[in-house]
Amino acid sequence: MPYTPNPQHRSAAYASRKTQWIVSLDVEQECYAQAVNEEWLYKDSYWGIRWNQAEEKAEELGTAPDPIGENVQIAKYVSDSHDNWHGYPVAHWGAPWDRPDTNVLRKWFENGYISAPKMSKIIRGKKCTL
């Protein structure tokens, strides 16, 4: 499944309307590859986080535009009609469609990436850092 980064999520011209990656393109692609390999899939979207083993926490991947205006730690990857994939950071508390499913969250919990209380907050659309 080819991955084609969307330049709108790396352009200051779109920063007031679209989330922006704050990590390198390599990290963006690594996060996608891990999501695919680990099968973090829900409703035709892959969901990614990047775990920092040394600091034992999820890294910030991007920033959301106002009114959220904060750094975020979850990425969503979607495909187009030609099965080309691209991704963008999401604020899981901002919209229900930007929230991973319980099955994805359970896999993150089982891997030690999130705690049970954080999983519950994400499910309920509550703001939390991972």
N, C-alpha and C. Protein backbone atom coordinates (compact mmCIF):
# COMPACT_ATOMS: atom_id res chain seq x y z
N MET A 1 0.84 -1.17 0.00
CA MET A 1 0.00 0.00 0.00
C MET A 1 0.89 1.24 0.00
N PRO A 2 0.93 1.92 -1.11
CA PRO A 2 1.83 3.09 -1.20
C PRO A 2 1.39 4.22 -0.28
N TYR A 3 2.39 4.92 0.24
CA TYR A 3 2.14 6.07 1.11
C TYR A 3 2.61 7.33 0.41
N THR A 4 1.72 8.30 0.27
CA THR A 4 2.02 9.57 -0.37
C THR A 4 1.67 10.68 0.60
N PRO A 5 2.65 11.34 1.19
CA PRO A 5 2.35 12.41 2.13
C PRO A 5 1.52 13.52 1.47
N ASN A 6 0.61 14.07 2.23
CA ASN A 6 -0.21 15.17 1.75
C ASN A 6 0.47 16.48 2.13
N PRO A 7 0.89 17.28 1.16
CA PRO A 7 1.63 18.51 1.47
C PRO A 7 0.82 19.54 2.26
N GLN A 8 -0.51 19.43 2.24
CA GLN A 8 -1.32 20.37 3.01
C GLN A 8 -1.08 20.25 4.52
N HIS A 9 -0.60 19.09 4.94
CA HIS A 9 -0.35 18.88 6.37
C HIS A 9 1.09 19.19 6.77
N ARG A 10 1.80 19.86 5.84
CA ARG A 10 3.17 20.32 6.11
C ARG A 10 3.39 21.73 5.56
N SER A 11 2.31 22.48 5.40
CA SER A 11 2.39 23.80 4.79
C SER A 11 1.78 24.86 5.69
N ALA A 12 2.53 25.92 5.94
CA ALA A 12 2.03 27.03 6.76
C ALA A 12 0.79 27.65 6.14
N ALA A 13 0.64 27.55 4.84
CA ALA A 13 -0.53 28.12 4.17
C ALA A 13 -1.84 27.46 4.61
N TYR A 14 -1.77 26.22 5.08
CA TYR A 14 -2.95 25.49 5.51
C TYR A 14 -3.04 25.34 7.04
N ALA A 15 -2.09 25.89 7.76
CA ALA A 15 -2.00 25.67 9.20
C ALA A 15 -3.21 26.19 9.98
N SER A 16 -3.93 27.15 9.44
CA SER A 16 -5.10 27.66 10.15
C SER A 16 -6.33 26.76 9.94
N ARG A 17 -6.24 25.81 8.99
CA ARG A 17 -7.38 24.95 8.68
C ARG A 17 -7.12 23.46 8.84
N LYS A 18 -5.86 23.05 8.75
CA LYS A 18 -5.51 21.63 8.77
C LYS A 18 -4.44 21.37 9.82
N THR A 19 -4.50 20.18 10.40
CA THR A 19 -3.44 19.81 11.33
C THR A 19 -2.12 19.74 10.59
N GLN A 20 -1.04 19.97 11.31
CA GLN A 20 0.29 19.99 10.71
C GLN A 20 1.20 19.02 11.44
N TRP A 21 1.98 18.25 10.67
CA TRP A 21 2.99 17.38 11.25
C TRP A 21 4.11 18.24 11.84
N ILE A 22 4.62 17.84 12.99
CA ILE A 22 5.79 18.50 13.57
C ILE A 22 6.98 17.54 13.61
N VAL A 23 6.77 16.32 13.15
CA VAL A 23 7.85 15.33 13.07
C VAL A 23 8.35 15.27 11.63
N SER A 24 9.49 14.65 11.44
CA SER A 24 10.06 14.53 10.09
C SER A 24 9.18 13.64 9.22
N LEU A 25 9.38 13.77 7.93
CA LEU A 25 8.67 12.92 6.98
C LEU A 25 8.98 11.45 7.22
N ASP A 26 10.22 11.15 7.58
CA ASP A 26 10.59 9.77 7.89
C ASP A 26 9.77 9.23 9.06
N VAL A 27 9.60 10.02 10.09
CA VAL A 27 8.82 9.59 11.26
C VAL A 27 7.35 9.41 10.87
N GLU A 28 6.83 10.32 10.06
CA GLU A 28 5.45 10.19 9.57
C GLU A 28 5.26 8.85 8.87
N GLN A 29 6.19 8.50 8.00
CA GLN A 29 6.10 7.25 7.25
C GLN A 29 6.33 6.03 8.13
N GLU A 30 7.23 6.14 9.11
CA GLU A 30 7.46 5.03 10.05
C GLU A 30 6.21 4.77 10.88
N CYS A 31 5.55 5.82 11.27
CA CYS A 31 4.33 5.69 12.06
C CYS A 31 3.25 4.98 11.24
N TYR A 32 3.14 5.32 9.97
CA TYR A 32 2.20 4.66 9.07
C TYR A 32 2.56 3.17 8.92
N ALA A 33 3.82 2.89 8.68
CA ALA A 33 4.25 1.50 8.51
C ALA A 33 3.94 0.67 9.75
N GLN A 34 4.17 1.24 10.93
CA GLN A 34 3.86 0.51 12.16
C GLN A 34 2.36 0.27 12.28
N ALA A 35 1.55 1.28 11.95
CA ALA A 35 0.10 1.12 12.03
C ALA A 35 -0.37 -0.02 11.12
N VAL A 36 0.20 -0.10 9.92
CA VAL A 36 -0.15 -1.17 8.98
C VAL A 36 0.33 -2.52 9.51
N ASN A 37 1.59 -2.59 9.94
CA ASN A 37 2.16 -3.85 10.43
C ASN A 37 1.44 -4.38 11.67
N GLU A 38 1.03 -3.47 12.54
CA GLU A 38 0.34 -3.88 13.78
C GLU A 38 -1.16 -4.03 13.58
N GLU A 39 -1.65 -3.70 12.38
CA GLU A 39 -3.07 -3.78 12.05
C GLU A 39 -3.93 -2.91 12.96
N TRP A 40 -3.49 -1.67 13.13
CA TRP A 40 -4.26 -0.70 13.90
C TRP A 40 -5.27 -0.06 12.96
N LEU A 41 -6.23 -0.84 12.51
CA LEU A 41 -7.19 -0.47 11.48
C LEU A 41 -8.59 -0.41 12.05
N TYR A 42 -9.32 0.62 11.66
CA TYR A 42 -10.74 0.75 12.01
C TYR A 42 -11.42 1.60 10.95
N LYS A 43 -12.51 1.09 10.40
CA LYS A 43 -13.31 1.78 9.39
C LYS A 43 -12.46 2.36 8.27
N ASP A 44 -11.67 1.53 7.66
CA ASP A 44 -10.84 1.90 6.51
C ASP A 44 -9.80 2.98 6.82
N SER A 45 -9.46 3.16 8.07
CA SER A 45 -8.42 4.10 8.48
C SER A 45 -7.44 3.38 9.41
N TYR A 46 -6.17 3.66 9.21
CA TYR A 46 -5.16 3.19 10.15
C TYR A 46 -4.92 4.29 11.16
N TRP A 47 -4.54 3.90 12.36
CA TRP A 47 -4.31 4.84 13.46
C TRP A 47 -2.90 4.63 13.98
N GLY A 48 -2.20 5.72 14.20
CA GLY A 48 -0.82 5.60 14.64
C GLY A 48 -0.47 6.44 15.84
N ILE A 49 0.48 5.93 16.59
CA ILE A 49 1.16 6.69 17.64
C ILE A 49 2.63 6.32 17.53
N ARG A 50 3.46 7.14 18.09
CA ARG A 50 4.90 6.85 18.09
C ARG A 50 5.34 6.80 19.54
N TRP A 51 5.76 5.63 19.95
CA TRP A 51 6.14 5.39 21.33
C TRP A 51 7.63 5.68 21.52
N ASN A 52 7.94 6.51 22.48
CA ASN A 52 9.32 6.79 22.84
C ASN A 52 9.67 5.87 24.01
N GLN A 53 10.41 4.82 23.72
CA GLN A 53 10.73 3.81 24.73
C GLN A 53 11.55 4.39 25.88
N ALA A 54 12.51 5.24 25.58
CA ALA A 54 13.38 5.81 26.61
C ALA A 54 12.60 6.66 27.60
N GLU A 55 11.65 7.43 27.10
CA GLU A 55 10.87 8.32 27.98
C GLU A 55 9.55 7.68 28.42
N GLU A 56 9.25 6.50 27.87
CA GLU A 56 8.04 5.76 28.19
C GLU A 56 6.78 6.61 28.02
N LYS A 57 6.69 7.24 26.84
CA LYS A 57 5.49 8.02 26.54
C LYS A 57 5.34 8.16 25.03
N ALA A 58 4.14 8.52 24.61
CA ALA A 58 3.88 8.77 23.19
C ALA A 58 4.42 10.15 22.83
N GLU A 59 5.01 10.23 21.65
CA GLU A 59 5.57 11.51 21.19
C GLU A 59 4.48 12.36 20.56
N GLU A 60 4.69 13.66 20.60
CA GLU A 60 3.80 14.57 19.90
C GLU A 60 4.11 14.46 18.41
N LEU A 61 3.07 14.31 17.61
CA LEU A 61 3.23 14.12 16.17
C LEU A 61 2.92 15.38 15.38
N GLY A 62 2.01 16.18 15.88
CA GLY A 62 1.59 17.34 15.12
C GLY A 62 0.89 18.35 15.99
N THR A 63 0.37 19.36 15.32
CA THR A 63 -0.36 20.41 16.00
C THR A 63 -1.69 20.63 15.30
N ALA A 64 -2.72 20.91 16.09
CA ALA A 64 -4.05 21.15 15.55
C ALA A 64 -4.29 22.65 15.43
N PRO A 65 -5.06 23.05 14.42
CA PRO A 65 -5.35 24.48 14.27
C PRO A 65 -6.28 24.98 15.37
N ASP A 66 -6.40 26.28 15.49
CA ASP A 66 -7.37 26.86 16.43
C ASP A 66 -8.77 26.45 16.01
N PRO A 67 -9.69 26.24 16.91
CA PRO A 67 -9.63 26.64 18.30
C PRO A 67 -8.90 25.66 19.21
N ILE A 68 -8.52 24.48 18.70
CA ILE A 68 -7.80 23.52 19.55
C ILE A 68 -6.40 24.05 19.81
N GLY A 69 -5.64 24.29 18.76
CA GLY A 69 -4.34 24.94 18.86
C GLY A 69 -3.34 24.26 19.77
N GLU A 70 -3.34 22.94 19.83
CA GLU A 70 -2.43 22.21 20.71
C GLU A 70 -1.73 21.09 19.96
N ASN A 71 -0.64 20.61 20.53
CA ASN A 71 0.05 19.46 19.95
C ASN A 71 -0.75 18.20 20.22
N VAL A 72 -0.68 17.27 19.28
CA VAL A 72 -1.44 16.03 19.36
C VAL A 72 -0.53 14.83 19.16
N GLN A 73 -0.98 13.66 19.62
CA GLN A 73 -0.14 12.47 19.64
C GLN A 73 -0.68 11.30 18.83
N ILE A 74 -1.80 11.47 18.18
CA ILE A 74 -2.41 10.40 17.39
C ILE A 74 -2.44 10.83 15.93
N ALA A 75 -2.19 9.86 15.03
CA ALA A 75 -2.28 10.12 13.60
C ALA A 75 -3.35 9.21 13.00
N LYS A 76 -3.99 9.72 11.96
CA LYS A 76 -4.99 8.97 11.21
C LYS A 76 -4.50 8.86 9.77
N TYR A 77 -4.60 7.67 9.21
CA TYR A 77 -4.15 7.42 7.84
C TYR A 77 -5.33 6.94 7.01
N VAL A 78 -5.57 7.59 5.89
CA VAL A 78 -6.70 7.28 5.03
C VAL A 78 -6.19 7.04 3.60
N SER A 79 -7.03 6.37 2.79
CA SER A 79 -6.64 6.12 1.40
C SER A 79 -7.57 6.84 0.45
N ASP A 80 -7.08 7.04 -0.77
CA ASP A 80 -7.91 7.63 -1.81
C ASP A 80 -8.47 6.50 -2.70
N SER A 81 -9.13 6.86 -3.77
CA SER A 81 -9.76 5.86 -4.64
C SER A 81 -8.75 4.97 -5.37
N HIS A 82 -7.46 5.36 -5.37
CA HIS A 82 -6.42 4.57 -6.02
C HIS A 82 -5.59 3.77 -5.01
N ASP A 83 -6.06 3.68 -3.78
CA ASP A 83 -5.38 2.97 -2.70
C ASP A 83 -4.02 3.58 -2.36
N ASN A 84 -3.89 4.89 -2.57
CA ASN A 84 -2.73 5.63 -2.06
C ASN A 84 -3.10 6.17 -0.69
N TRP A 85 -2.20 6.02 0.25
CA TRP A 85 -2.48 6.41 1.62
C TRP A 85 -1.76 7.70 1.98
N HIS A 86 -2.39 8.49 2.83
CA HIS A 86 -1.74 9.65 3.44
C HIS A 86 -2.30 9.80 4.85
N GLY A 87 -1.58 10.54 5.68
CA GLY A 87 -2.01 10.68 7.06
C GLY A 87 -1.89 12.09 7.56
N TYR A 88 -2.47 12.28 8.74
CA TYR A 88 -2.42 13.59 9.39
C TYR A 88 -2.64 13.40 10.89
N PRO A 89 -2.09 14.30 11.68
CA PRO A 89 -2.30 14.23 13.12
C PRO A 89 -3.74 14.62 13.45
N VAL A 90 -4.28 14.04 14.52
CA VAL A 90 -5.66 14.35 14.92
C VAL A 90 -5.73 14.65 16.41
N ALA A 91 -6.68 15.52 16.75
CA ALA A 91 -7.02 15.78 18.15
C ALA A 91 -8.22 14.89 18.47
N HIS A 92 -7.98 13.80 19.18
CA HIS A 92 -9.02 12.80 19.39
C HIS A 92 -10.24 13.35 20.13
N TRP A 93 -10.09 14.43 20.84
CA TRP A 93 -11.20 15.01 21.59
C TRP A 93 -11.97 16.03 20.74
N GLY A 94 -11.47 16.34 19.55
CA GLY A 94 -12.08 17.37 18.73
C GLY A 94 -13.27 16.92 17.90
N ALA A 95 -13.27 15.66 17.48
CA ALA A 95 -14.35 15.15 16.64
C ALA A 95 -14.42 13.63 16.79
N PRO A 96 -15.62 13.07 16.78
CA PRO A 96 -15.74 11.61 16.95
C PRO A 96 -15.08 10.81 15.83
N TRP A 97 -15.00 11.35 14.62
CA TRP A 97 -14.37 10.62 13.52
C TRP A 97 -12.84 10.65 13.61
N ASP A 98 -12.31 11.44 14.54
CA ASP A 98 -10.86 11.47 14.76
C ASP A 98 -10.45 10.69 16.01
N ARG A 99 -11.24 9.69 16.35
CA ARG A 99 -11.00 8.86 17.51
C ARG A 99 -10.83 7.41 17.10
N PRO A 100 -9.73 6.77 17.47
CA PRO A 100 -9.58 5.34 17.14
C PRO A 100 -10.63 4.49 17.86
N ASP A 101 -10.94 3.37 17.27
CA ASP A 101 -11.89 2.43 17.83
C ASP A 101 -11.34 1.74 19.07
N THR A 102 -12.23 1.18 19.85
CA THR A 102 -11.85 0.46 21.07
C THR A 102 -10.86 -0.66 20.77
N ASN A 103 -11.01 -1.35 19.65
CA ASN A 103 -10.09 -2.45 19.32
C ASN A 103 -8.66 -1.95 19.11
N VAL A 104 -8.51 -0.81 18.44
CA VAL A 104 -7.19 -0.21 18.26
C VAL A 104 -6.64 0.23 19.62
N LEU A 105 -7.48 0.89 20.39
CA LEU A 105 -7.05 1.35 21.71
C LEU A 105 -6.65 0.19 22.61
N ARG A 106 -7.37 -0.90 22.51
CA ARG A 106 -7.04 -2.09 23.32
C ARG A 106 -5.65 -2.62 22.95
N LYS A 107 -5.33 -2.62 21.65
CA LYS A 107 -3.99 -3.05 21.22
C LYS A 107 -2.92 -2.12 21.79
N TRP A 108 -3.18 -0.82 21.78
CA TRP A 108 -2.22 0.13 22.36
C TRP A 108 -2.07 -0.12 23.86
N PHE A 109 -3.19 -0.40 24.53
CA PHE A 109 -3.16 -0.69 25.96
C PHE A 109 -2.34 -1.96 26.22
N GLU A 110 -2.58 -3.01 25.45
CA GLU A 110 -1.87 -4.28 25.63
C GLU A 110 -0.38 -4.13 25.37
N ASN A 111 0.01 -3.21 24.50
CA ASN A 111 1.43 -2.94 24.24
C ASN A 111 2.05 -1.99 25.26
N GLY A 112 1.24 -1.48 26.17
CA GLY A 112 1.75 -0.57 27.20
C GLY A 112 1.87 0.87 26.74
N TYR A 113 1.23 1.22 25.62
CA TYR A 113 1.33 2.59 25.09
C TYR A 113 0.37 3.55 25.78
N ILE A 114 -0.77 3.04 26.24
CA ILE A 114 -1.73 3.87 26.97
C ILE A 114 -2.23 3.09 28.18
N SER A 115 -2.69 3.81 29.16
CA SER A 115 -3.26 3.19 30.37
C SER A 115 -4.76 2.99 30.18
N ALA A 116 -5.37 2.22 31.06
CA ALA A 116 -6.81 1.99 31.00
C ALA A 116 -7.59 3.31 31.17
N PRO A 117 -7.20 4.18 32.13
CA PRO A 117 -7.92 5.45 32.24
C PRO A 117 -7.79 6.33 30.98
N LYS A 118 -6.63 6.32 30.34
CA LYS A 118 -6.46 7.11 29.12
C LYS A 118 -7.28 6.51 27.97
N MET A 119 -7.33 5.20 27.91
CA MET A 119 -8.16 4.55 26.90
C MET A 119 -9.62 4.96 27.09
N SER A 120 -10.08 4.97 28.32
CA SER A 120 -11.46 5.37 28.62
C SER A 120 -11.71 6.82 28.22
N LYS A 121 -10.75 7.70 28.50
CA LYS A 121 -10.92 9.10 28.12
C LYS A 121 -11.01 9.28 26.62
N ILE A 122 -10.18 8.56 25.88
CA ILE A 122 -10.20 8.67 24.42
C ILE A 122 -11.54 8.17 23.89
N ILE A 123 -12.03 7.06 24.41
CA ILE A 123 -13.32 6.51 23.99
C ILE A 123 -14.43 7.53 24.20
N ARG A 124 -14.38 8.23 25.33
CA ARG A 124 -15.42 9.21 25.66
C ARG A 124 -15.17 10.59 25.02
N GLY A 125 -14.08 10.72 24.27
CA GLY A 125 -13.80 11.99 23.62
C GLY A 125 -13.27 13.06 24.55
N LYS A 126 -12.67 12.63 25.63
CA LYS A 126 -12.10 13.57 26.60
C LYS A 126 -10.64 13.85 26.28
N LYS A 127 -10.22 15.04 26.53
CA LYS A 127 -8.85 15.44 26.27
C LYS A 127 -7.89 14.77 27.26
N CYS A 128 -6.80 14.25 26.74
CA CYS A 128 -5.75 13.69 27.58
C CYS A 128 -4.48 13.57 26.75
N THR A 129 -3.35 13.62 27.42
CA THR A 129 -2.10 13.33 26.74
C THR A 129 -1.78 11.87 26.96
N LEU A 130 -1.16 11.27 25.98
CA LEU A 130 -0.86 9.85 26.09
C LEU A 130 0.45 9.65 26.79
